[in-house]
C-alpha cells in the first residue's frame, strides 16, 4: 500500500503548525512553556511571545511539517516497492 505524499505532508504540516501556534499562545496567555518557545525562537527567527510571533511560528510549523511529512511519505513508498 502506497501513501499519498502530499496528503501526509499536509496533515503533518497542519498538525505541526497548530501545535507551534498553541504553544506560543499558551506561553503568551499563561506564561508557561517559555523554555520551549525560546528553543523554537533559536531555530526559527521571528518567533517570539507575541501574536505576530505566534503567526510566524504557525507558518514555520506548516512548512517544516509539510516538508518532513512529504519526505516521510516518499521514503515509505520507496521501501514498500
Protein backbone atom coordinates (compact mmCIF):
# COMPACT_ATOMS: atom_id res chain seq x y z
CA UNK A 1 0.00 0.00 0.00
CA UNK A 2 1.42 3.34 -1.04
CA UNK A 3 0.97 6.55 0.90
CA UNK A 4 -0.05 9.84 -0.65
CA UNK A 5 3.00 12.03 -0.02
CA UNK A 6 1.04 15.25 -0.42
CA UNK A 7 -1.67 14.10 2.00
CA UNK A 8 0.84 13.04 4.64
CA UNK A 9 2.69 16.33 4.16
CA UNK A 10 -0.46 18.42 4.54
CA UNK A 11 -1.64 16.52 7.61
CA UNK A 12 1.71 16.73 9.38
CA UNK A 13 2.10 20.38 8.35
CA UNK A 14 -1.25 21.36 9.84
CA UNK A 15 -0.53 19.36 12.99
CA UNK A 16 2.93 20.92 13.48
CA UNK A 17 1.72 24.42 12.65
CA UNK A 18 -1.23 24.31 15.03
CA UNK A 19 0.97 22.80 17.74
CA UNK A 20 3.52 25.60 17.47
CA UNK A 21 0.76 28.22 17.41
CA UNK A 22 -0.88 26.78 20.53
CA UNK A 23 2.41 26.58 22.42
CA UNK A 24 3.31 30.21 21.70
CA UNK A 25 -0.20 31.43 22.56
CA UNK A 26 -0.19 29.34 25.74
CA UNK A 27 3.05 31.00 26.76
CA UNK A 28 1.61 34.42 25.89
CA UNK A 29 -1.59 33.96 27.88
CA UNK A 30 -0.49 31.77 30.78
CA UNK A 31 3.27 32.30 30.98
CA UNK A 32 4.12 28.62 30.67
CA UNK A 33 6.32 26.88 28.09
CA UNK A 34 8.79 29.78 27.91
CA UNK A 35 11.79 27.48 27.51
CA UNK A 36 10.09 25.67 24.62
CA UNK A 37 9.31 28.97 22.87
CA UNK A 38 12.93 30.06 23.41
CA UNK A 39 14.06 26.84 21.74
CA UNK A 40 11.74 27.47 18.80
CA UNK A 41 12.99 31.07 18.56
CA UNK A 42 16.61 29.84 18.37
CA UNK A 43 15.74 27.69 15.35
CA UNK A 44 13.12 29.91 13.69
CA UNK A 45 13.93 33.64 13.50
CA UNK A 46 10.99 35.93 14.16
CA UNK A 47 9.23 33.69 16.65
CA UNK A 48 8.55 35.49 19.91
CA UNK A 49 5.98 35.58 22.67
CA UNK A 50 3.53 37.82 20.82
CA UNK A 51 0.63 37.44 18.42
CA UNK A 52 2.90 38.17 15.47
CA UNK A 53 5.41 35.64 16.75
CA UNK A 54 2.63 33.09 17.06
CA UNK A 55 1.66 33.57 13.42
CA UNK A 56 5.29 33.24 12.35
CA UNK A 57 5.51 30.03 14.39
CA UNK A 58 2.38 28.78 12.62
CA UNK A 59 3.97 29.37 9.22
CA UNK A 60 7.23 27.69 10.23
CA UNK A 61 5.28 24.72 11.58
CA UNK A 62 3.20 24.42 8.42
CA UNK A 63 6.23 24.49 6.14
CA UNK A 64 8.50 22.25 8.23
CA UNK A 65 5.72 19.77 8.95
CA UNK A 66 4.79 19.56 5.28
CA UNK A 67 8.39 19.02 4.18
CA UNK A 68 9.11 16.32 6.76
CA UNK A 69 5.75 14.62 6.18
CA UNK A 70 6.29 14.60 2.43
CA UNK A 71 9.78 13.17 2.84
CA UNK A 72 8.45 10.51 5.21
CA UNK A 73 5.73 9.50 2.73
CA UNK A 74 8.19 9.42 -0.14
CA UNK A 75 10.69 7.30 1.82
CA UNK A 76 7.94 4.95 2.94
CA UNK A 77 6.86 4.45 -0.66
CA UNK A 78 10.46 3.76 -1.72
CA UNK A 79 10.82 0.98 0.84
CA UNK A 80 7.42 -0.57 0.12
CA UNK A 81 8.27 -1.23 -3.54
